[in-house]
């Protein structure tokens, strides 16, 4: 179990197969009841920021594993079988906030992160567009345009050749400093996703450059069903000269790592 700030992710073996489930963290008591009702006389292992809270609600003995250890172990499991995947890479976990790790063949360690992540996405979407439900955000955002909100490098260097790629964002929400045109909620949502995606990518690319790496593996609950964020991150990573890998089921890495620690 990975008890995060936004979601509780659960990985378990049933009939020899890996099963994955997720629940909102605000329903912690209900989740504990579900676990106790479905799993008796089994070994349990939990990780994540709400581990202690969840453990206190469970009647069974529960092991704990450090979150970063569980996450890296789960990622390595999910990467098995992927062709041409280098052993050494940057691992970026975009959950409520964003945590960045360096993974080599001998070790893995956290080098930092940023407070910009899924919590930023939810908070700014509610503040700017009055849309607070995650499913509504990812449904409406693709209908919006960032053109009149974000300022691109090419717009600053209008009429001349910019010294860097004109497609790079010069200032997120920078166009709002001028008289904005009529904007709709989806426009704000698209720009919020752009802000989160580009910030996370920029920090990750800088980490890769600092450690002489070229591949960045992205995981986290912020990518669940969020094709727009996935595209922003993938395109911006390539634009900045690195190789993106967006793992399917990457949000379950911590839960899978906790499961593997039992196995």
Foldseek 3Di string as FASTA:
>chain_A
DEQEPFKDKAWDADPNDIDIDIDGNVPLLVVQVVCQVPDDPDAAEYEYDCVVVNVVNHPDDYHYDYQVQLLVQLVVVLCPPPPPDAQWAWEWAAACFIWIWTGHPVDIDTDGGGNQHPVLLQVQLCVPAVDRDLVVLLVLQVVAAQVQQFAFQCNVVPPDDDPADRRHTPGQRVNVVDPTDDGHSSNSSNSSLLVSLLVSLVVRVVVCVVVVHAEYEYAYPRCVSRVSSVVSNQVNSVSSRGHYHYGDVSNCSSNVSRVVVVD
